[in-house]
C-alpha atoms as a PDB file:
ATOM      1  CA  UNK A   1     -41.841   4.277  14.837  1.00  0.00           C
ATOM      2  CA  UNK A   2     -43.312   5.245  11.453  1.00  0.00           C
ATOM      3  CA  UNK A   3     -46.549   4.093   9.894  1.00  0.00           C
ATOM      4  CA  UNK A   4     -46.674   2.545   6.429  1.00  0.00           C
ATOM      5  CA  UNK A   5     -48.039   5.822   4.997  1.00  0.00           C
ATOM      6  CA  UNK A   6     -45.176   8.149   5.899  1.00  0.00           C
ATOM      7  CA  UNK A   7     -42.233  10.036   4.466  1.00  0.00           C
ATOM      8  CA  UNK A   8     -39.642   7.831   6.159  1.00  0.00           C
ATOM      9  CA  UNK A   9     -41.173   4.648   4.771  1.00  0.00           C
ATOM     10  CA  UNK A  10     -41.420   5.784   1.145  1.00  0.00           C
ATOM     11  CA  UNK A  11     -37.823   7.074   1.240  1.00  0.00           C
ATOM     12  CA  UNK A  12     -36.631   3.623   2.443  1.00  0.00           C
ATOM     13  CA  UNK A  13     -38.844   1.837  -0.045  1.00  0.00           C
ATOM     14  CA  UNK A  14     -37.482   3.871  -2.965  1.00  0.00           C
ATOM     15  CA  UNK A  15     -33.878   3.379  -1.868  1.00  0.00           C
ATOM     16  CA  UNK A  16     -34.444  -0.329  -1.403  1.00  0.00           C
ATOM     17  CA  UNK A  17     -36.127  -0.724  -4.793  1.00  0.00           C
ATOM     18  CA  UNK A  18     -33.276   1.166  -6.469  1.00  0.00           C
ATOM     19  CA  UNK A  19     -30.679  -1.104  -4.908  1.00  0.00           C
ATOM     20  CA  UNK A  20     -32.610  -4.344  -5.514  1.00  0.00           C
ATOM     21  CA  UNK A  21     -33.269  -3.514  -9.184  1.00  0.00           C
ATOM     22  CA  UNK A  22     -29.838  -1.996  -9.870  1.00  0.00           C
ATOM     23  CA  UNK A  23     -31.823   0.780 -11.564  1.00  0.00           C
ATOM     24  CA  UNK A  24     -31.092   4.396 -12.313  1.00  0.00           C
ATOM     25  CA  UNK A  25     -34.343   5.588 -10.713  1.00  0.00           C
ATOM     26  CA  UNK A  26     -37.009   4.175  -8.425  1.00  0.00           C
ATOM     27  CA  UNK A  27     -40.439   5.293  -7.262  1.00  0.00           C
ATOM     28  CA  UNK A  28     -42.286   4.109  -4.192  1.00  0.00           C
ATOM     29  CA  UNK A  29     -45.921   4.777  -3.259  1.00  0.00           C
ATOM     30  CA  UNK A  30     -47.807   4.263  -0.030  1.00  0.00           C
ATOM     31  CA  UNK A  31     -51.243   5.651   0.671  1.00  0.00           C
ATOM     32  CA  UNK A  32     -54.806   5.299   1.771  1.00  0.00           C
ATOM     33  CA  UNK A  33     -56.917   4.768  -1.321  1.00  0.00           C
ATOM     34  CA  UNK A  34     -60.084   3.895   0.584  1.00  0.00           C
ATOM     35  CA  UNK A  35     -62.860   3.362   0.894  1.00  0.00           C
ATOM     36  CA  UNK A  36     -61.836   2.713   4.543  1.00  0.00           C
ATOM     37  CA  UNK A  37     -58.642   3.142   6.504  1.00  0.00           C
ATOM     38  CA  UNK A  38     -58.456   6.885   6.750  1.00  0.00           C
ATOM     39  CA  UNK A  39     -58.057   8.831   9.946  1.00  0.00           C
ATOM     40  CA  UNK A  40     -58.400  12.502  10.803  1.00  0.00           C
ATOM     41  CA  UNK A  41     -54.580  12.817  10.507  1.00  0.00           C
ATOM     42  CA  UNK A  42     -54.371  10.748   7.329  1.00  0.00           C
ATOM     43  CA  UNK A  43     -57.694  10.834   5.513  1.00  0.00           C
ATOM     44  CA  UNK A  44     -58.601   8.642   2.549  1.00  0.00           C
ATOM     45  CA  UNK A  45     -56.743  10.021  -0.465  1.00  0.00           C
ATOM     46  CA  UNK A  46     -53.470  10.670   1.424  1.00  0.00           C
ATOM     47  CA  UNK A  47     -50.558   9.322  -0.594  1.00  0.00           C
ATOM     48  CA  UNK A  48     -46.784   9.529   0.004  1.00  0.00           C
ATOM     49  CA  UNK A  49     -44.317   9.156  -2.866  1.00  0.00           C
ATOM     50  CA  UNK A  50     -40.611   8.349  -2.642  1.00  0.00           C
ATOM     51  CA  UNK A  51     -38.069   8.923  -5.408  1.00  0.00           C
ATOM     52  CA  UNK A  52     -34.474   7.696  -5.520  1.00  0.00           C
ATOM     53  CA  UNK A  53     -31.668   7.940  -8.045  1.00  0.00           C
ATOM     54  CA  UNK A  54     -28.466   6.054  -8.534  1.00  0.00           C
ATOM     55  CA  UNK A  55     -26.679   9.381  -8.002  1.00  0.00           C
ATOM     56  CA  UNK A  56     -27.808   9.295  -4.371  1.00  0.00           C
ATOM     57  CA  UNK A  57     -30.758  11.671  -4.494  1.00  0.00           C
ATOM     58  CA  UNK A  58     -33.751  10.671  -2.386  1.00  0.00           C
ATOM     59  CA  UNK A  59     -36.926  12.734  -2.138  1.00  0.00           C
ATOM     60  CA  UNK A  60     -40.418  12.319  -0.739  1.00  0.00           C
ATOM     61  CA  UNK A  61     -43.613  14.240  -1.243  1.00  0.00           C
ATOM     62  CA  UNK A  62     -47.213  13.789  -0.137  1.00  0.00           C
ATOM     63  CA  UNK A  63     -50.385  14.549  -1.977  1.00  0.00           C
ATOM     64  CA  UNK A  64     -54.087  14.274  -1.258  1.00  0.00           C
ATOM     65  CA  UNK A  65     -56.402  13.020  -3.997  1.00  0.00           C
ATOM     66  CA  UNK A  66     -60.175  12.960  -4.277  1.00  0.00           C
ATOM     67  CA  UNK A  67     -62.475  10.228  -5.496  1.00  0.00           C
ATOM     68  CA  UNK A  68     -62.990   6.539  -5.005  1.00  0.00           C
ATOM     69  CA  UNK A  69     -60.259   3.899  -4.622  1.00  0.00           C
ATOM     70  CA  UNK A  70     -59.720   3.562  -8.363  1.00  0.00           C
ATOM     71  CA  UNK A  71     -59.537   7.331  -8.861  1.00  0.00           C
ATOM     72  CA  UNK A  72     -56.962   7.710  -6.067  1.00  0.00           C
ATOM     73  CA  UNK A  73     -54.847   4.920  -7.565  1.00  0.00           C
ATOM     74  CA  UNK A  74     -54.982   6.400 -11.073  1.00  0.00           C
ATOM     75  CA  UNK A  75     -54.116   9.873  -9.815  1.00  0.00           C
ATOM     76  CA  UNK A  76     -51.209   8.378  -7.848  1.00  0.00           C
ATOM     77  CA  UNK A  77     -49.739   6.665 -10.928  1.00  0.00           C
ATOM     78  CA  UNK A  78     -50.081   9.840 -13.011  1.00  0.00           C
ATOM     79  CA  UNK A  79     -48.624  12.018 -10.297  1.00  0.00           C
ATOM     80  CA  UNK A  80     -45.616   9.793  -9.641  1.00  0.00           C
ATOM     81  CA  UNK A  81     -44.602   9.523 -13.293  1.00  0.00           C
ATOM     82  CA  UNK A  82     -45.162  13.224 -13.931  1.00  0.00           C
ATOM     83  CA  UNK A  83     -43.187  14.215 -10.853  1.00  0.00           C
ATOM     84  CA  UNK A  84     -40.325  11.879 -11.781  1.00  0.00           C
ATOM     85  CA  UNK A  85     -40.102  13.300 -15.335  1.00  0.00           C
ATOM     86  CA  UNK A  86     -40.797  16.981 -14.604  1.00  0.00           C
ATOM     87  CA  UNK A  87     -39.384  17.602 -11.138  1.00  0.00           C
ATOM     88  CA  UNK A  88     -37.147  14.879  -9.764  1.00  0.00           C
ATOM     89  CA  UNK A  89     -35.023  14.416 -12.890  1.00  0.00           C
ATOM     90  CA  UNK A  90     -34.472  18.195 -13.145  1.00  0.00           C
ATOM     91  CA  UNK A  91     -33.358  18.397  -9.497  1.00  0.00           C
ATOM     92  CA  UNK A  92     -31.082  15.373  -9.608  1.00  0.00           C
ATOM     93  CA  UNK A  93     -29.316  16.297 -12.839  1.00  0.00           C
END
């Protein structure tokens, strides 16, 4: 029903990672880093992020990044850690 690059998938991925790792927090990432694979609906640079906490909070957010495959990947790592620290932890506290 859902493609790999979707809100539903990253929510499930984050929840599953949290349970498997017995962690306090988990992040999941699924996207189209390029150079191929994009569509009109999901162009190259589209990335979905999932966040889950042991307290039961689960969130997902999408972003669109510019640049080549390496740039998209680097921006994704930076975004996910920044969002976890500056947004998700505030909202789940």
